[in-house]
């Protein structure tokens, strides 16, 4: 089985190695947008929605007849379906092609080095207070979701002691034509148009 990272979404940012295996796949698994963008005629496909056990069951069955390519957004090693696949299949059966993560892409758009940044996810979870704690000069890159958004997270950080004038960048729909990057402050982000499933970068 091949797990292929497809980056932030735009085909321009997908590695040629990933594009090749995706186009050659007999069985292709991915989100609805990914399948719309990358699937070709003749492929058997499965759409990843909320029912992950159903996806895993489909892959187990499909693997009896041919290899399967699973497309995941961003990089497979960063909060993707790879975790579930490793729990269900022996790691020796998995071949992973990396992709550009949305966090990596956001930092690139901001021309901001990320080697000293803390990378956190609010996807269905809340990082600990220690992970969110303010320190002067600290940089955090965060994945957001519908509950923990570009509005709610800044409010939480300010309640935890982050200064209102700390720099913040809301990075939404990265790599697409309607990409939106708003450079503001924590206080400003809390009143900006709300973005979900985006990247929020905060600089203390």
Protein backbone atom coordinates (compact mmCIF):
# COMPACT_ATOMS: atom_id res chain seq x y z
CA UNK A 1 0.00 0.00 0.00
CA UNK A 2 1.23 3.47 -0.85
CA UNK A 3 0.31 6.50 1.25
CA UNK A 4 0.87 9.61 -0.86
CA UNK A 5 0.91 13.12 0.54
CA UNK A 6 -0.78 15.57 -1.84
CA UNK A 7 0.29 18.76 -0.10
CA UNK A 8 -2.02 21.71 0.54
CA UNK A 9 -4.25 20.86 -2.42
CA UNK A 10 -3.03 22.53 -5.59
CA UNK A 11 -1.54 19.90 -7.95
CA UNK A 12 1.42 22.25 -8.55
CA UNK A 13 2.66 21.36 -5.05
CA UNK A 14 2.42 17.57 -5.32
CA UNK A 15 5.68 15.65 -5.74
CA UNK A 16 6.09 13.99 -9.16
CA UNK A 17 6.59 10.65 -7.40
CA UNK A 18 3.16 10.99 -5.76
CA UNK A 19 1.48 12.06 -9.00
CA UNK A 20 2.92 9.05 -10.80
CA UNK A 21 1.63 6.44 -8.35
CA UNK A 22 -1.74 8.20 -8.08
CA UNK A 23 -2.23 8.13 -11.86
CA UNK A 24 -1.08 4.50 -12.12
CA UNK A 25 -3.20 3.25 -9.20
CA UNK A 26 -5.89 0.66 -9.83
CA UNK A 27 -7.47 1.45 -6.46
CA UNK A 28 -7.40 5.03 -5.19
CA UNK A 29 -8.57 6.27 -1.79
CA UNK A 30 -8.87 9.93 -0.80
CA UNK A 31 -11.08 12.83 0.16
CA UNK A 32 -13.78 14.00 -2.23
CA UNK A 33 -11.78 17.02 -3.42
CA UNK A 34 -8.65 14.93 -3.92
CA UNK A 35 -10.52 12.31 -5.94
CA UNK A 36 -12.13 15.04 -8.04
CA UNK A 37 -8.70 16.57 -8.75
CA UNK A 38 -6.59 13.45 -9.27
CA UNK A 39 -8.64 10.32 -10.07
CA UNK A 40 -8.59 9.09 -13.67
CA UNK A 41 -10.97 6.89 -15.65
CA UNK A 42 -10.84 3.19 -14.84
CA UNK A 43 -9.78 3.54 -11.22
CA UNK A 44 -11.75 1.99 -8.41
CA UNK A 45 -12.16 4.68 -5.75
CA UNK A 46 -13.23 5.11 -2.14
CA UNK A 47 -14.03 8.49 -0.61
CA UNK A 48 -12.69 9.22 2.88
CA UNK A 49 -15.43 10.72 5.01
CA UNK A 50 -16.08 10.42 8.74
CA UNK A 51 -16.37 6.61 8.80
CA UNK A 52 -12.71 5.60 9.04
CA UNK A 53 -13.47 1.93 9.92
CA UNK A 54 -15.37 1.66 6.61
CA UNK A 55 -12.36 3.07 4.74
CA UNK A 56 -10.02 0.60 6.43
CA UNK A 57 -12.38 -2.27 5.63
CA UNK A 58 -12.47 -1.21 1.97
CA UNK A 59 -8.66 -1.10 1.83
CA UNK A 60 -8.34 -4.55 3.41
CA UNK A 61 -10.72 -5.99 0.84
CA UNK A 62 -9.20 -4.14 -2.14
CA UNK A 63 -5.66 -5.21 -1.23
CA UNK A 64 -6.55 -8.85 -1.92
CA UNK A 65 -6.73 -8.04 -5.64
CA UNK A 66 -4.32 -5.13 -6.18
CA UNK A 67 -2.21 -2.57 -4.39
CA UNK A 68 -3.92 0.53 -3.05
CA UNK A 69 -2.85 4.17 -3.13
CA UNK A 70 -4.19 6.31 -0.29
CA UNK A 71 -4.04 10.09 -0.80
CA UNK A 72 -3.79 12.25 2.31
CA UNK A 73 -3.71 16.03 2.40
CA UNK A 74 -0.54 17.74 3.53
CA UNK A 75 2.21 15.41 4.69
CA UNK A 76 1.27 11.85 5.76
CA UNK A 77 3.41 12.15 8.89
CA UNK A 78 1.51 15.11 10.31
CA UNK A 79 -1.99 14.36 11.66
CA UNK A 80 -3.20 12.20 8.81
CA UNK A 81 -4.80 8.82 8.15
CA UNK A 82 -1.33 7.27 8.43
CA UNK A 83 -1.86 6.80 12.18
CA UNK A 84 -4.95 4.66 11.61
CA UNK A 85 -3.26 2.72 8.80
CA UNK A 86 -0.30 1.88 11.05
CA UNK A 87 -2.67 0.52 13.69
CA UNK A 88 -4.50 -1.65 11.13
CA UNK A 89 -1.64 -2.81 8.89
CA UNK A 90 1.94 -3.91 9.46
CA UNK A 91 4.28 -1.01 8.83
CA UNK A 92 6.23 -3.20 6.39
CA UNK A 93 3.18 -3.05 4.11
CA UNK A 94 3.22 0.75 4.00
CA UNK A 95 5.23 2.86 1.59
CA UNK A 96 4.95 6.60 2.27
CA UNK A 97 5.56 9.45 -0.16
CA UNK A 98 5.88 12.76 1.72
CA UNK A 99 4.00 15.92 0.88
CA UNK A 100 4.10 19.59 1.84
CA UNK A 101 2.11 20.08 5.04
CA UNK A 102 -0.25 23.03 5.32
CA UNK A 103 1.79 24.28 8.29
CA UNK A 104 4.99 24.16 6.25
CA UNK A 105 3.23 25.95 3.39
CA UNK A 106 1.88 28.65 5.72
CA UNK A 107 5.33 29.40 7.13
CA UNK A 108 6.69 29.61 3.59
CA UNK A 109 3.96 32.09 2.61
CA UNK A 110 4.94 34.19 5.63
CA UNK A 111 8.67 33.93 4.76
CA UNK A 112 9.09 32.75 8.35
CA UNK A 113 11.59 30.07 9.45
CA UNK A 114 9.88 27.36 11.48
CA UNK A 115 12.81 25.48 13.04
CA UNK A 116 12.09 27.10 16.44
CA UNK A 117 8.29 27.00 16.15
CA UNK A 118 5.95 24.82 18.19
CA UNK A 119 3.50 22.94 15.96
CA UNK A 120 0.13 22.11 17.48
CA UNK A 121 -3.24 20.80 16.34
CA UNK A 122 -6.74 21.75 17.47
CA UNK A 123 -8.30 19.11 15.20
CA UNK A 124 -10.76 17.47 17.57
CA UNK A 125 -8.49 18.14 20.54
CA UNK A 126 -7.17 20.89 22.75
CA UNK A 127 -3.46 21.17 23.42
CA UNK A 128 -2.46 21.35 27.07
CA UNK A 129 -2.01 24.65 28.91
CA UNK A 130 1.73 23.99 28.96
CA UNK A 131 1.78 23.61 25.17
CA UNK A 132 -0.10 26.89 24.77
CA UNK A 133 1.79 28.89 27.40
CA UNK A 134 3.13 32.33 26.49
CA UNK A 135 6.85 33.02 26.36
CA UNK A 136 8.37 36.14 24.77
CA UNK A 137 9.56 35.37 21.26
CA UNK A 138 7.65 32.11 21.05
CA UNK A 139 6.16 31.06 17.68
CA UNK A 140 3.27 28.60 17.37
CA UNK A 141 1.76 27.13 14.20
CA UNK A 142 -1.69 25.63 14.76
CA UNK A 143 -4.18 23.57 12.76
CA UNK A 144 -7.74 24.71 13.42
CA UNK A 145 -11.17 23.13 13.00
CA UNK A 146 -14.82 24.18 13.09
CA UNK A 147 -14.94 24.33 16.91
CA UNK A 148 -11.46 25.74 17.46
CA UNK A 149 -11.18 28.39 14.79
CA UNK A 150 -9.21 31.49 13.83
CA UNK A 151 -11.49 33.44 16.19
CA UNK A 152 -11.77 31.17 19.22
CA UNK A 153 -8.08 30.23 19.54
CA UNK A 154 -6.82 33.85 19.76
CA UNK A 155 -9.35 34.51 22.55
CA UNK A 156 -8.10 31.42 24.39
CA UNK A 157 -4.47 32.49 24.05
CA UNK A 158 -5.20 35.99 25.35
CA UNK A 159 -7.03 34.49 28.33
CA UNK A 160 -3.87 32.49 29.00
CA UNK A 161 -1.68 35.59 29.08
CA UNK A 162 -0.62 36.16 25.48
CA UNK A 163 -0.48 39.91 24.74
CA UNK A 164 -3.24 41.35 22.59
CA UNK A 165 -0.67 42.89 20.24
CA UNK A 166 1.14 39.59 19.58
CA UNK A 167 1.45 39.10 15.82
CA UNK A 168 -0.92 36.60 14.23
CA UNK A 169 -1.45 35.31 10.70
CA UNK A 170 -4.59 33.54 9.50
CA UNK A 171 -3.69 31.31 6.53
CA UNK A 172 -6.72 29.84 4.77
CA UNK A 173 -7.33 27.88 1.56
CA UNK A 174 -3.60 27.68 1.02
CA UNK A 175 -2.37 27.14 -2.56
CA UNK A 176 -5.81 27.72 -4.10
CA UNK A 177 -6.88 30.71 -6.19
CA UNK A 178 -8.96 32.06 -3.31
CA UNK A 179 -6.08 31.74 -0.82
CA UNK A 180 -6.51 34.18 2.06
CA UNK A 181 -3.69 35.28 4.36
CA UNK A 182 -4.46 37.93 6.97
CA UNK A 183 -1.58 39.41 8.99
CA UNK A 184 -2.93 40.93 12.16
CA UNK A 185 -2.66 40.69 15.95
CA UNK A 186 -4.27 38.27 18.39
CA UNK A 187 -6.90 40.87 19.25
CA UNK A 188 -7.47 41.54 15.56
CA UNK A 189 -7.73 37.86 14.69
CA UNK A 190 -10.47 37.43 17.29
CA UNK A 191 -12.66 39.86 15.34
CA UNK A 192 -11.61 38.98 11.77
CA UNK A 193 -13.73 36.85 9.46
CA UNK A 194 -13.76 33.38 10.98
CA UNK A 195 -11.76 30.68 9.20
CA UNK A 196 -12.02 26.98 10.01
CA UNK A 197 -9.63 24.25 8.91
CA UNK A 198 -6.89 26.78 8.35
CA UNK A 199 -3.43 27.42 9.80
CA UNK A 200 -3.04 30.03 12.53
CA UNK A 201 0.48 31.29 13.20
CA UNK A 202 1.12 33.34 16.34
CA UNK A 203 4.35 35.14 17.22
CA UNK A 204 4.90 36.22 20.82
